[in-house]
Amino acid sequence: MATFEDFEGEFDACEYVERLASTVAGGGSKGGSEAFDPKTLSDVFEKTIKELTALDEKMQGRINKLEELCAKEQDEHKQKTRELESTFKSASLLSKS
């Protein structure tokens, strides 16, 4: 099963497919008992696509949560900045008096 770590750093789709095919019995081009079996390879690819789709949905959920958290933090920071600006203006007026 694919994990997030499989996709850290640079990603090469061709290399990923080659690596996946090399792990499947019947996925290579060798003859003999390991002869190429398109059905097995297709089944593994379909299963992997489903796993990658599920992984994408999970990652998108994490991204959405982080974006919501960032927006909340940004709003809180803006509010704190306004409060500090107001306090500074009040202090400046008091010091001029």
PDB file of N, CA and C in Angstrom:
ATOM      1  N   MET A   1       0.848  -1.189   0.000  1.00  0.00           N
ATOM      2  CA  MET A   1       0.000   0.000   0.000  1.00  0.00           C
ATOM      3  C   MET A   1       0.885   1.241   0.000  1.00  0.00           C
ATOM      4  N   ALA A   2       0.510   2.217  -0.744  1.00  0.00           N
ATOM      5  CA  ALA A   2       1.251   3.470  -0.838  1.00  0.00           C
ATOM      6  C   ALA A   2       1.064   4.284   0.438  1.00  0.00           C
ATOM      7  N   THR A   3       2.113   5.002   0.802  1.00  0.00           N
ATOM      8  CA  THR A   3       2.051   5.876   1.969  1.00  0.00           C
ATOM      9  C   THR A   3       2.476   7.275   1.559  1.00  0.00           C
ATOM     10  N   PHE A   4       2.235   8.230   2.458  1.00  0.00           N
ATOM     11  CA  PHE A   4       2.635   9.608   2.177  1.00  0.00           C
ATOM     12  C   PHE A   4       4.137   9.697   1.939  1.00  0.00           C
ATOM     13  N   GLU A   5       4.902   8.894   2.666  1.00  0.00           N
ATOM     14  CA  GLU A   5       6.359   8.938   2.562  1.00  0.00           C
ATOM     15  C   GLU A   5       6.842   8.556   1.159  1.00  0.00           C
ATOM     16  N   ASP A   6       6.047   7.739   0.459  1.00  0.00           N
ATOM     17  CA  ASP A   6       6.428   7.343  -0.899  1.00  0.00           C
ATOM     18  C   ASP A   6       6.486   8.537  -1.847  1.00  0.00           C
ATOM     19  N   PHE A   7       5.837   9.619  -1.467  1.00  0.00           N
ATOM     20  CA  PHE A   7       5.712  10.761  -2.370  1.00  0.00           C
ATOM     21  C   PHE A   7       6.407  12.011  -1.847  1.00  0.00           C
ATOM     22  N   GLU A   8       7.232  11.849  -0.810  1.00  0.00           N
ATOM     23  CA  GLU A   8       8.010  12.987  -0.324  1.00  0.00           C
ATOM     24  C   GLU A   8       9.158  13.219  -1.299  1.00  0.00           C
ATOM     25  N   GLY A   9       9.528  14.452  -1.454  1.00  0.00           N
ATOM     26  CA  GLY A   9      10.607  14.772  -2.374  1.00  0.00           C
ATOM     27  C   GLY A   9      10.128  14.720  -3.815  1.00  0.00           C
ATOM     28  N   GLU A  10      11.061  14.564  -4.720  1.00  0.00           N
ATOM     29  CA  GLU A  10      10.719  14.549  -6.140  1.00  0.00           C
ATOM     30  C   GLU A  10      10.021  13.245  -6.490  1.00  0.00           C
ATOM     31  N   PHE A  11       9.062  13.332  -7.383  1.00  0.00           N
ATOM     32  CA  PHE A  11       8.292  12.153  -7.793  1.00  0.00           C
ATOM     33  C   PHE A  11       8.381  11.979  -9.293  1.00  0.00           C
ATOM     34  N   ASP A  12       8.694  10.771  -9.698  1.00  0.00           N
ATOM     35  CA  ASP A  12       8.765  10.428 -11.119  1.00  0.00           C
ATOM     36  C   ASP A  12       7.742   9.323 -11.369  1.00  0.00           C
ATOM     37  N   ALA A  13       6.672   9.648 -12.089  1.00  0.00           N
ATOM     38  CA  ALA A  13       5.584   8.699 -12.324  1.00  0.00           C
ATOM     39  C   ALA A  13       6.070   7.451 -13.057  1.00  0.00           C
ATOM     40  N   CYS A  14       6.929   7.636 -14.047  1.00  0.00           N
ATOM     41  CA  CYS A  14       7.435   6.483 -14.802  1.00  0.00           C
ATOM     42  C   CYS A  14       8.209   5.537 -13.889  1.00  0.00           C
ATOM     43  N   GLU A  15       9.043   6.110 -13.042  1.00  0.00           N
ATOM     44  CA  GLU A  15       9.817   5.299 -12.101  1.00  0.00           C
ATOM     45  C   GLU A  15       8.891   4.563 -11.132  1.00  0.00           C
ATOM     46  N   TYR A  16       7.847   5.247 -10.674  1.00  0.00           N
ATOM     47  CA  TYR A  16       6.891   4.629  -9.750  1.00  0.00           C
ATOM     48  C   TYR A  16       6.209   3.432 -10.407  1.00  0.00           C
ATOM     49  N   VAL A  17       5.771   3.593 -11.650  1.00  0.00           N
ATOM     50  CA  VAL A  17       5.100   2.507 -12.375  1.00  0.00           C
ATOM     51  C   VAL A  17       6.074   1.354 -12.619  1.00  0.00           C
ATOM     52  N   GLU A  18       7.295   1.668 -13.000  1.00  0.00           N
ATOM     53  CA  GLU A  18       8.307   0.626 -13.222  1.00  0.00           C
ATOM     54  C   GLU A  18       8.573  -0.151 -11.938  1.00  0.00           C
ATOM     55  N   ARG A  19       8.704   0.571 -10.835  1.00  0.00           N
ATOM     56  CA  ARG A  19       8.957  -0.067  -9.543  1.00  0.00           C
ATOM     57  C   ARG A  19       7.773  -0.952  -9.155  1.00  0.00           C
ATOM     58  N   LEU A  20       6.565  -0.452  -9.359  1.00  0.00           N
ATOM     59  CA  LEU A  20       5.362  -1.227  -9.049  1.00  0.00           C
ATOM     60  C   LEU A  20       5.310  -2.496  -9.899  1.00  0.00           C
ATOM     61  N   ALA A  21       5.559  -2.352 -11.188  1.00  0.00           N
ATOM     62  CA  ALA A  21       5.521  -3.509 -12.093  1.00  0.00           C
ATOM     63  C   ALA A  21       6.578  -4.536 -11.717  1.00  0.00           C
ATOM     64  N   SER A  22       7.733  -4.077 -11.262  1.00  0.00           N
ATOM     65  CA  SER A  22       8.810  -5.011 -10.927  1.00  0.00           C
ATOM     66  C   SER A  22       8.508  -5.819  -9.671  1.00  0.00           C
ATOM     67  N   THR A  23       7.568  -5.358  -8.855  1.00  0.00           N
ATOM     68  CA  THR A  23       7.228  -6.091  -7.630  1.00  0.00           C
ATOM     69  C   THR A  23       6.116  -7.109  -7.857  1.00  0.00           C
ATOM     70  N   VAL A  24       5.531  -7.114  -9.042  1.00  0.00           N
ATOM     71  CA  VAL A  24       4.404  -7.997  -9.349  1.00  0.00           C
ATOM     72  C   VAL A  24       4.910  -9.233 -10.079  1.00  0.00           C
ATOM     73  N   ALA A  25       4.531 -10.418  -9.578  1.00  0.00           N
ATOM     74  CA  ALA A  25       4.864 -11.646 -10.298  1.00  0.00           C
ATOM     75  C   ALA A  25       4.130 -11.599 -11.636  1.00  0.00           C
ATOM     76  N   GLY A  26       4.875 -11.706 -12.707  1.00  0.00           N
ATOM     77  CA  GLY A  26       4.267 -11.616 -14.034  1.00  0.00           C
ATOM     78  C   GLY A  26       4.213 -10.194 -14.555  1.00  0.00           C
ATOM     79  N   GLY A  27       4.845  -9.280 -13.834  1.00  0.00           N
ATOM     80  CA  GLY A  27       4.821  -7.887 -14.251  1.00  0.00           C
ATOM     81  C   GLY A  27       6.027  -7.489 -15.069  1.00  0.00           C
ATOM     82  N   GLY A  28       7.017  -8.361 -15.088  1.00  0.00           N
ATOM     83  CA  GLY A  28       8.231  -8.048 -15.825  1.00  0.00           C
ATOM     84  C   GLY A  28       8.191  -8.593 -17.239  1.00  0.00           C
ATOM     85  N   SER A  29       9.312  -8.499 -17.905  1.00  0.00           N
ATOM     86  CA  SER A  29       9.382  -8.964 -19.297  1.00  0.00           C
ATOM     87  C   SER A  29      10.165 -10.265 -19.411  1.00  0.00           C
ATOM     88  N   LYS A  30      10.501 -10.885 -18.258  1.00  0.00           N
ATOM     89  CA  LYS A  30      11.275 -12.124 -18.283  1.00  0.00           C
ATOM     90  C   LYS A  30      10.383 -13.287 -18.715  1.00  0.00           C
ATOM     91  N   GLY A  31      10.997 -14.280 -19.302  1.00  0.00           N
ATOM     92  CA  GLY A  31      10.257 -15.476 -19.694  1.00  0.00           C
ATOM     93  C   GLY A  31      10.163 -16.450 -18.529  1.00  0.00           C
ATOM     94  N   GLY A  32       9.791 -17.669 -18.816  1.00  0.00           N
ATOM     95  CA  GLY A  32       9.715 -18.707 -17.794  1.00  0.00           C
ATOM     96  C   GLY A  32       8.523 -18.518 -16.885  1.00  0.00           C
ATOM     97  N   SER A  33       8.696 -18.949 -15.630  1.00  0.00           N
ATOM     98  CA  SER A  33       7.584 -18.894 -14.670  1.00  0.00           C
ATOM     99  C   SER A  33       7.178 -17.464 -14.341  1.00  0.00           C
ATOM    100  N   GLU A  34       8.049 -16.537 -14.599  1.00  0.00           N
ATOM    101  CA  GLU A  34       7.778 -15.118 -14.329  1.00  0.00           C
ATOM    102  C   GLU A  34       7.323 -14.393 -15.598  1.00  0.00           C
ATOM    103  N   ALA A  35       6.785 -15.143 -16.544  1.00  0.00           N
ATOM    104  CA  ALA A  35       6.379 -14.553 -17.822  1.00  0.00           C
ATOM    105  C   ALA A  35       5.369 -13.429 -17.604  1.00  0.00           C
ATOM    106  N   PHE A  36       5.361 -12.533 -18.537  1.00  0.00           N
ATOM    107  CA  PHE A  36       4.474 -11.367 -18.475  1.00  0.00           C
ATOM    108  C   PHE A  36       3.017 -11.807 -18.431  1.00  0.00           C
ATOM    109  N   ASP A  37       2.273 -11.269 -17.453  1.00  0.00           N
ATOM    110  CA  ASP A  37       0.846 -11.575 -17.309  1.00  0.00           C
ATOM    111  C   ASP A  37       0.089 -10.256 -17.225  1.00  0.00           C
ATOM    112  N   PRO A  38      -0.511  -9.827 -18.336  1.00  0.00           N
ATOM    113  CA  PRO A  38      -1.175  -8.524 -18.351  1.00  0.00           C
ATOM    114  C   PRO A  38      -2.345  -8.429 -17.383  1.00  0.00           C
ATOM    115  N   LYS A  39      -3.064  -9.518 -17.155  1.00  0.00           N
ATOM    116  CA  LYS A  39      -4.221  -9.492 -16.251  1.00  0.00           C
ATOM    117  C   LYS A  39      -3.768  -9.204 -14.816  1.00  0.00           C
ATOM    118  N   THR A  40      -2.738  -9.899 -14.368  1.00  0.00           N
ATOM    119  CA  THR A  40      -2.218  -9.676 -13.015  1.00  0.00           C
ATOM    120  C   THR A  40      -1.730  -8.246 -12.865  1.00  0.00           C
ATOM    121  N   LEU A  41      -0.988  -7.794 -13.844  1.00  0.00           N
ATOM    122  CA  LEU A  41      -0.456  -6.432 -13.804  1.00  0.00           C
ATOM    123  C   LEU A  41      -1.587  -5.406 -13.795  1.00  0.00           C
ATOM    124  N   SER A  42      -2.594  -5.625 -14.611  1.00  0.00           N
ATOM    125  CA  SER A  42      -3.748  -4.720 -14.651  1.00  0.00           C
ATOM    126  C   SER A  42      -4.470  -4.698 -13.307  1.00  0.00           C
ATOM    127  N   ASP A  43      -4.644  -5.875 -12.695  1.00  0.00           N
ATOM    128  CA  ASP A  43      -5.306  -5.947 -11.386  1.00  0.00           C
ATOM    129  C   ASP A  43      -4.534  -5.161 -10.329  1.00  0.00           C
ATOM    130  N   VAL A  44      -3.214  -5.307 -10.349  1.00  0.00           N
ATOM    131  CA  VAL A  44      -2.381  -4.581  -9.382  1.00  0.00           C
ATOM    132  C   VAL A  44      -2.466  -3.082  -9.638  1.00  0.00           C
ATOM    133  N   PHE A  45      -2.426  -2.679 -10.884  1.00  0.00           N
ATOM    134  CA  PHE A  45      -2.534  -1.251 -11.201  1.00  0.00           C
ATOM    135  C   PHE A  45      -3.883  -0.691 -10.750  1.00  0.00           C
ATOM    136  N   GLU A  46      -4.960  -1.423 -11.002  1.00  0.00           N
ATOM    137  CA  GLU A  46      -6.285  -0.962 -10.579  1.00  0.00           C
ATOM    138  C   GLU A  46      -6.370  -0.839  -9.061  1.00  0.00           C
ATOM    139  N   LYS A  47      -5.826  -1.820  -8.354  1.00  0.00           N
ATOM    140  CA  LYS A  47      -5.813  -1.780  -6.886  1.00  0.00           C
ATOM    141  C   LYS A  47      -4.996  -0.584  -6.401  1.00  0.00           C
ATOM    142  N   THR A  48      -3.858  -0.370  -7.025  1.00  0.00           N
ATOM    143  CA  THR A  48      -2.990   0.742  -6.636  1.00  0.00           C
ATOM    144  C   THR A  48      -3.663   2.080  -6.912  1.00  0.00           C
ATOM    145  N   ILE A  49      -4.368   2.188  -8.015  1.00  0.00           N
ATOM    146  CA  ILE A  49      -5.094   3.428  -8.328  1.00  0.00           C
ATOM    147  C   ILE A  49      -6.128   3.716  -7.250  1.00  0.00           C
ATOM    148  N   LYS A  50      -6.841   2.687  -6.806  1.00  0.00           N
ATOM    149  CA  LYS A  50      -7.825   2.868  -5.728  1.00  0.00           C
ATOM    150  C   LYS A  50      -7.144   3.313  -4.434  1.00  0.00           C
ATOM    151  N   GLU A  51      -6.000   2.696  -4.120  1.00  0.00           N
ATOM    152  CA  GLU A  51      -5.255   3.078  -2.923  1.00  0.00           C
ATOM    153  C   GLU A  51      -4.772   4.522  -3.019  1.00  0.00           C
ATOM    154  N   LEU A  52      -4.276   4.899  -4.190  1.00  0.00           N
ATOM    155  CA  LEU A  52      -3.791   6.266  -4.382  1.00  0.00           C
ATOM    156  C   LEU A  52      -4.932   7.273  -4.306  1.00  0.00           C
ATOM    157  N   THR A  53      -6.101   6.899  -4.801  1.00  0.00           N
ATOM    158  CA  THR A  53      -7.274   7.773  -4.707  1.00  0.00           C
ATOM    159  C   THR A  53      -7.661   7.975  -3.249  1.00  0.00           C
ATOM    160  N   ALA A  54      -7.649   6.890  -2.468  1.00  0.00           N
ATOM    161  CA  ALA A  54      -7.958   6.989  -1.038  1.00  0.00           C
ATOM    162  C   ALA A  54      -6.910   7.834  -0.323  1.00  0.00           C
ATOM    163  N   LEU A  55      -5.651   7.653  -0.691  1.00  0.00           N
ATOM    164  CA  LEU A  55      -4.569   8.438  -0.095  1.00  0.00           C
ATOM    165  C   LEU A  55      -4.730   9.917  -0.433  1.00  0.00           C
ATOM    166  N   ASP A  56      -5.125  10.206  -1.670  1.00  0.00           N
ATOM    167  CA  ASP A  56      -5.358  11.584  -2.097  1.00  0.00           C
ATOM    168  C   ASP A  56      -6.487  12.219  -1.286  1.00  0.00           C
ATOM    169  N   GLU A  57      -7.562  11.470  -1.077  1.00  0.00           N
ATOM    170  CA  GLU A  57      -8.690  11.992  -0.297  1.00  0.00           C
ATOM    171  C   GLU A  57      -8.273  12.269   1.146  1.00  0.00           C
ATOM    172  N   LYS A  58      -7.475  11.363   1.698  1.00  0.00           N
ATOM    173  CA  LYS A  58      -6.979  11.550   3.069  1.00  0.00           C
ATOM    174  C   LYS A  58      -6.091  12.792   3.141  1.00  0.00           C
ATOM    175  N   MET A  59      -5.203  12.935   2.165  1.00  0.00           N
ATOM    176  CA  MET A  59      -4.305  14.094   2.135  1.00  0.00           C
ATOM    177  C   MET A  59      -5.100  15.377   1.951  1.00  0.00           C
ATOM    178  N   GLN A  60      -6.111  15.350   1.090  1.00  0.00           N
ATOM    179  CA  GLN A  60      -6.933  16.546   0.873  1.00  0.00           C
ATOM    180  C   GLN A  60      -7.647  16.932   2.156  1.00  0.00           C
ATOM    181  N   GLY A  61      -8.090  15.945   2.926  1.00  0.00           N
ATOM    182  CA  GLY A  61      -8.709  16.224   4.222  1.00  0.00           C
ATOM    183  C   GLY A  61      -7.739  16.923   5.155  1.00  0.00           C
ATOM    184  N   ARG A  62      -6.499  16.451   5.177  1.00  0.00           N
ATOM    185  CA  ARG A  62      -5.473  17.093   6.018  1.00  0.00           C
ATOM    186  C   ARG A  62      -5.203  18.521   5.549  1.00  0.00           C
ATOM    187  N   ILE A  63      -5.126  18.690   4.241  1.00  0.00           N
ATOM    188  CA  ILE A  63      -4.885  20.024   3.680  1.00  0.00           C
ATOM    189  C   ILE A  63      -6.010  20.970   4.074  1.00  0.00           C
ATOM    190  N   ASN A  64      -7.254  20.510   3.941  1.00  0.00           N
ATOM    191  CA  ASN A  64      -8.400  21.349   4.301  1.00  0.00           C
ATOM    192  C   ASN A  64      -8.357  21.755   5.768  1.00  0.00           C
ATOM    193  N   LYS A  65      -8.024  20.808   6.652  1.00  0.00           N
ATOM    194  CA  LYS A  65      -7.935  21.119   8.083  1.00  0.00           C
ATOM    195  C   LYS A  65      -6.848  22.159   8.342  1.00  0.00           C
ATOM    196  N   LEU A  66      -5.696  21.998   7.690  1.00  0.00           N
ATOM    197  CA  LEU A  66      -4.602  22.952   7.875  1.00  0.00           C
ATOM    198  C   LEU A  66      -4.964  24.332   7.335  1.00  0.00           C
ATOM    199  N   GLU A  67      -5.654  24.374   6.201  1.00  0.00           N
ATOM    200  CA  GLU A  67      -6.074  25.663   5.648  1.00  0.00           C
ATOM    201  C   GLU A  67      -7.065  26.356   6.576  1.00  0.00           C
ATOM    202  N   GLU A  68      -7.987  25.591   7.156  1.00  0.00           N
ATOM    203  CA  GLU A  68      -8.939  26.165   8.113  1.00  0.00           C
ATOM    204  C   GLU A  68      -8.208  26.695   9.340  1.00  0.00           C
ATOM    205  N   LEU A  69      -7.248  25.923   9.833  1.00  0.00           N
ATOM    206  CA  LEU A  69      -6.469  26.343  10.993  1.00  0.00           C
ATOM    207  C   LEU A  69      -5.683  27.614  10.684  1.00  0.00           C
ATOM    208  N   CYS A  70      -5.083  27.681   9.511  1.00  0.00           N
ATOM    209  CA  CYS A  70      -4.326  28.877   9.113  1.00  0.00           C
ATOM    210  C   CYS A  70      -5.235  30.096   9.019  1.00  0.00           C
ATOM    211  N   ALA A  71      -6.416  29.920   8.449  1.00  0.00           N
ATOM    212  CA  ALA A  71      -7.357  31.040   8.330  1.00  0.00           C
ATOM    213  C   ALA A  71      -7.778  31.521   9.715  1.00  0.00           C
ATOM    214  N   LYS A  72      -8.030  30.595  10.624  1.00  0.00           N
ATOM    215  CA  LYS A  72      -8.410  30.951  11.995  1.00  0.00           C
ATOM    216  C   LYS A  72      -7.273  31.705  12.683  1.00  0.00           C
ATOM    217  N   GLU A  73      -6.056  31.188  12.551  1.00  0.00           N
ATOM    218  CA  GLU A  73      -4.889  31.842  13.152  1.00  0.00           C
ATOM    219  C   GLU A  73      -4.676  33.232  12.550  1.00  0.00           C
ATOM    220  N   GLN A  74      -4.893  33.361  11.258  1.00  0.00           N
ATOM    221  CA  GLN A  74      -4.733  34.650  10.592  1.00  0.00           C
ATOM    222  C   GLN A  74      -5.750  35.655  11.131  1.00  0.00           C
ATOM    223  N   ASP A  75      -6.990  35.226  11.284  1.00  0.00           N
ATOM    224  CA  ASP A  75      -8.026  36.110  11.831  1.00  0.00           C
ATOM    225  C   ASP A  75      -7.696  36.534  13.258  1.00  0.00           C
ATOM    226  N   GLU A  76      -7.229  35.578  14.073  1.00  0.00           N
ATOM    227  CA  GLU A  76      -6.853  35.900  15.449  1.00  0.00           C
ATOM    228  C   GLU A  76      -5.684  36.884  15.477  1.00  0.00           C
ATOM    229  N   HIS A  77      -4.733  36.688  14.574  1.00  0.00           N
ATOM    230  CA  HIS A  77      -3.575  37.586  14.507  1.00  0.00           C
ATOM    231  C   HIS A  77      -4.005  39.000  14.099  1.00  0.00           C
ATOM    232  N   LYS A  78      -4.905  39.090  13.126  1.00  0.00           N
ATOM    233  CA  LYS A  78      -5.411  40.405  12.703  1.00  0.00           C
ATOM    234  C   LYS A  78      -6.112  41.105  13.857  1.00  0.00           C
ATOM    235  N   GLN A  79      -6.927  40.351  14.598  1.00  0.00           N
ATOM    236  CA  GLN A  79      -7.643  40.939  15.730  1.00  0.00           C
ATOM    237  C   GLN A  79      -6.658  41.415  16.792  1.00  0.00           C
ATOM    238  N   LYS A  80      -5.662  40.618  17.096  1.00  0.00           N
ATOM    239  CA  LYS A  80      -4.656  40.996  18.097  1.00  0.00           C
ATOM    240  C   LYS A  80      -3.901  42.244  17.628  1.00  0.00           C
ATOM    241  N   THR A  81      -3.591  42.314  16.337  1.00  0.00           N
ATOM    242  CA  THR A  81      -2.901  43.481  15.786  1.00  0.00           C
ATOM    243  C   THR A  81      -3.754  44.735  15.938  1.00  0.00           C
ATOM    244  N   ARG A  82      -5.045  44.616  15.657  1.00  0.00           N
ATOM    245  CA  ARG A  82      -5.948  45.763  15.823  1.00  0.00           C
ATOM    246  C   ARG A  82      -5.988  46.219  17.285  1.00  0.00           C
ATOM    247  N   GLU A  83      -6.059  45.256  18.194  1.00  0.00           N
ATOM    248  CA  GLU A  83      -6.089  45.588  19.621  1.00  0.00           C
ATOM    249  C   GLU A  83      -4.806  46.296  20.046  1.00  0.00           C
ATOM    250  N   LEU A  84      -3.673  45.787  19.580  1.00  0.00           N
ATOM    251  CA  LEU A  84      -2.395  46.411  19.926  1.00  0.00           C
ATOM    252  C   LEU A  84      -2.281  47.807  19.324  1.00  0.00           C
ATOM    253  N   GLU A  85      -2.755  47.970  18.101  1.00  0.00           N
ATOM    254  CA  GLU A  85      -2.730  49.283  17.455  1.00  0.00           C
ATOM    255  C   GLU A  85      -3.594  50.274  18.234  1.00  0.00           C
ATOM    256  N   SER A  86      -4.753  49.831  18.659  1.00  0.00           N
ATOM    257  CA  SER A  86      -5.650  50.684  19.442  1.00  0.00           C
ATOM    258  C   SER A  86      -5.010  51.057  20.776  1.00  0.00           C
ATOM    259  N   THR A  87      -4.396  50.082  21.427  1.00  0.00           N
ATOM    260  CA  THR A  87      -3.721  50.339  22.702  1.00  0.00           C
ATOM    261  C   THR A  87      -2.569  51.319  22.509  1.00  0.00           C
ATOM    262  N   PHE A  88      -1.809  51.146  21.431  1.00  0.00           N
ATOM    263  CA  PHE A  88      -0.697  52.037  21.145  1.00  0.00           C
ATOM    264  C   PHE A  88      -1.183  53.465  20.904  1.00  0.00           C
ATOM    265  N   LYS A  89      -2.274  53.614  20.140  1.00  0.00           N
ATOM    266  CA  LYS A  89      -2.822  54.949  19.880  1.00  0.00           C
ATOM    267  C   LYS A  89      -3.285  55.600  21.176  1.00  0.00           C
ATOM    268  N   SER A  90      -3.934  54.824  22.029  1.00  0.00           N
ATOM    269  CA  SER A  90      -4.396  55.361  23.318  1.00  0.00           C
ATOM    270  C   SER A  90      -3.211  55.789  24.169  1.00  0.00           C
ATOM    271  N   ALA A  91      -2.172  54.967  24.190  1.00  0.00           N
ATOM    272  CA  ALA A  91      -0.984  55.293  24.977  1.00  0.00           C
ATOM    273  C   ALA A  91      -0.293  56.532  24.418  1.00  0.00           C
ATOM    274  N   SER A  92      -0.255  56.667  23.098  1.00  0.00           N
ATOM    275  CA  SER A  92       0.362  57.836  22.473  1.00  0.00           C
ATOM    276  C   SER A  92      -0.396  59.107  22.833  1.00  0.00           C
ATOM    277  N   LEU A  93      -1.718  59.042  22.822  1.00  0.00           N
ATOM    278  CA  LEU A  93      -2.532  60.206  23.185  1.00  0.00           C
ATOM    279  C   LEU A  93      -2.328  60.582  24.644  1.00  0.00           C
ATOM    280  N   LEU A  94      -2.223  59.598  25.516  1.00  0.00           N
ATOM    281  CA  LEU A  94      -2.014  59.868  26.944  1.00  0.00           C
ATOM    282  C   LEU A  94      -0.646  60.490  27.193  1.00  0.00           C
ATOM    283  N   SER A  95       0.363  60.039  26.449  1.00  0.00           N
ATOM    284  CA  SER A  95       1.707  60.571  26.666  1.00  0.00           C
ATOM    285  C   SER A  95       1.838  62.002  26.146  1.00  0.00           C
ATOM    286  N   LYS A  96       0.995  62.405  25.188  1.00  0.00           N
ATOM    287  CA  LYS A  96       1.027  63.764  24.652  1.00  0.00           C
ATOM    288  C   LYS A  96       0.300  64.733  25.571  1.00  0.00           C
ATOM    289  N   SER A  97      -0.558  64.195  26.427  1.00  0.00           N
ATOM    290  CA  SER A  97      -1.343  65.074  27.310  1.00  0.00           C
ATOM    291  C   SER A  97      -0.548  65.593  28.462  1.00  0.00           C
TER     292      SER A  97
END
